[in-house]
Amino acid sequence: MGIIAWIILGALSGWLASKMMHTDESMGAIANIVVGIIGALIGGFIMNFFNKAGVDGLNLYSLFVAFLGSIILIAIVKAVTRR
């Protein structure tokens, strides 16, 4: 998967996860991309743990995996930074 595909997948999954977790107003486009890419790595690691395929291209399954990882990442960040 090329760098452009990672950016597109990261942007979509990060934006969807930030909408779901109600953090969209505090995150910009770059933050959504970074959260999405890191979320794709987390989601891929979790799926590999369960002997499933991780992120393997620009498709709906990969978007779901990256979305799941992004939600987990945002939940961890919210739990750590909660006052």
Protein backbone atom coordinates (compact mmCIF):
# COMPACT_ATOMS: atom_id res chain seq x y z
CA MET A 1 0.00 0.00 0.00
CA GLY A 2 1.44 3.36 -1.00
CA ILE A 3 1.79 6.50 1.08
CA ILE A 4 -1.16 8.18 -0.66
CA ALA A 5 -3.41 5.23 0.19
CA TRP A 6 -2.26 5.39 3.85
CA ILE A 7 -3.08 9.11 3.96
CA ILE A 8 -6.52 8.60 2.42
CA LEU A 9 -7.30 5.65 4.70
CA GLY A 10 -5.99 7.56 7.73
CA ALA A 11 -8.02 10.64 6.89
CA LEU A 12 -11.26 8.70 6.46
CA SER A 13 -10.89 6.46 9.48
CA GLY A 14 -9.57 9.24 11.72
CA TRP A 15 -12.42 11.54 10.74
CA LEU A 16 -15.07 8.85 11.27
CA ALA A 17 -13.60 7.88 14.63
CA SER A 18 -13.39 11.50 15.79
CA LYS A 19 -17.06 11.98 14.82
CA MET A 20 -18.02 8.83 16.71
CA MET A 21 -16.03 9.78 19.82
CA HIS A 22 -17.16 13.47 19.74
CA THR A 23 -13.64 14.87 19.41
CA ASP A 24 -14.02 16.28 15.91
CA GLU A 25 -14.18 19.92 17.00
CA SER A 26 -10.83 19.67 18.79
CA MET A 27 -9.01 17.84 15.96
CA GLY A 28 -7.86 19.22 12.64
CA ALA A 29 -7.23 17.47 9.34
CA ILE A 30 -3.62 16.57 10.16
CA ALA A 31 -4.63 15.16 13.55
CA ASN A 32 -7.33 13.04 11.89
CA ILE A 33 -4.79 11.65 9.42
CA VAL A 34 -2.28 10.87 12.18
CA VAL A 35 -4.94 9.25 14.37
CA GLY A 36 -6.17 7.23 11.40
CA ILE A 37 -2.71 5.96 10.44
CA ILE A 38 -1.80 5.04 14.02
CA GLY A 39 -5.27 3.53 14.40
CA ALA A 40 -4.64 1.41 11.30
CA LEU A 41 -1.46 0.09 12.90
CA ILE A 42 -3.27 -0.64 16.18
CA GLY A 43 -6.20 -2.25 14.37
CA GLY A 44 -3.85 -4.35 12.23
CA PHE A 45 -2.01 -5.54 15.34
CA ILE A 46 -5.29 -6.49 17.03
CA MET A 47 -6.57 -8.32 13.94
CA ASN A 48 -3.29 -10.20 13.58
CA PHE A 49 -3.64 -11.25 17.22
CA PHE A 50 -6.95 -12.92 16.26
CA ASN A 51 -5.40 -14.49 13.11
CA LYS A 52 -7.32 -12.17 10.78
CA ALA A 53 -5.93 -9.96 8.04
CA GLY A 54 -4.90 -6.46 9.00
CA VAL A 55 -4.88 -3.46 6.70
CA ASP A 56 -4.14 -4.83 3.24
CA GLY A 57 -5.26 -2.13 0.83
CA LEU A 58 -7.73 0.65 0.27
CA ASN A 59 -11.00 -1.23 0.80
CA LEU A 60 -13.91 -1.35 3.25
CA TYR A 61 -12.36 -4.06 5.43
CA SER A 62 -9.18 -2.02 5.87
CA LEU A 63 -11.27 1.06 6.61
CA PHE A 64 -13.12 -0.90 9.31
CA VAL A 65 -9.85 -2.14 10.84
CA ALA A 66 -8.37 1.38 10.85
CA PHE A 67 -11.63 2.81 12.24
CA LEU A 68 -11.62 0.27 15.07
CA GLY A 69 -8.00 1.04 15.91
CA SER A 70 -8.67 4.79 15.76
CA ILE A 71 -11.55 4.48 18.22
CA ILE A 72 -9.31 2.52 20.59
CA LEU A 73 -6.57 5.16 20.26
CA ILE A 74 -8.96 8.07 20.92
CA ALA A 75 -10.48 6.24 23.91
CA ILE A 76 -7.00 5.70 25.41
CA VAL A 77 -6.03 9.33 24.86
CA LYS A 78 -9.31 10.54 26.39
CA ALA A 79 -8.81 8.25 29.41
CA VAL A 80 -5.24 9.45 29.99
CA THR A 81 -5.97 13.17 29.55
CA ARG A 82 -9.23 13.20 31.53
CA ARG A 83 -9.15 15.71 34.36
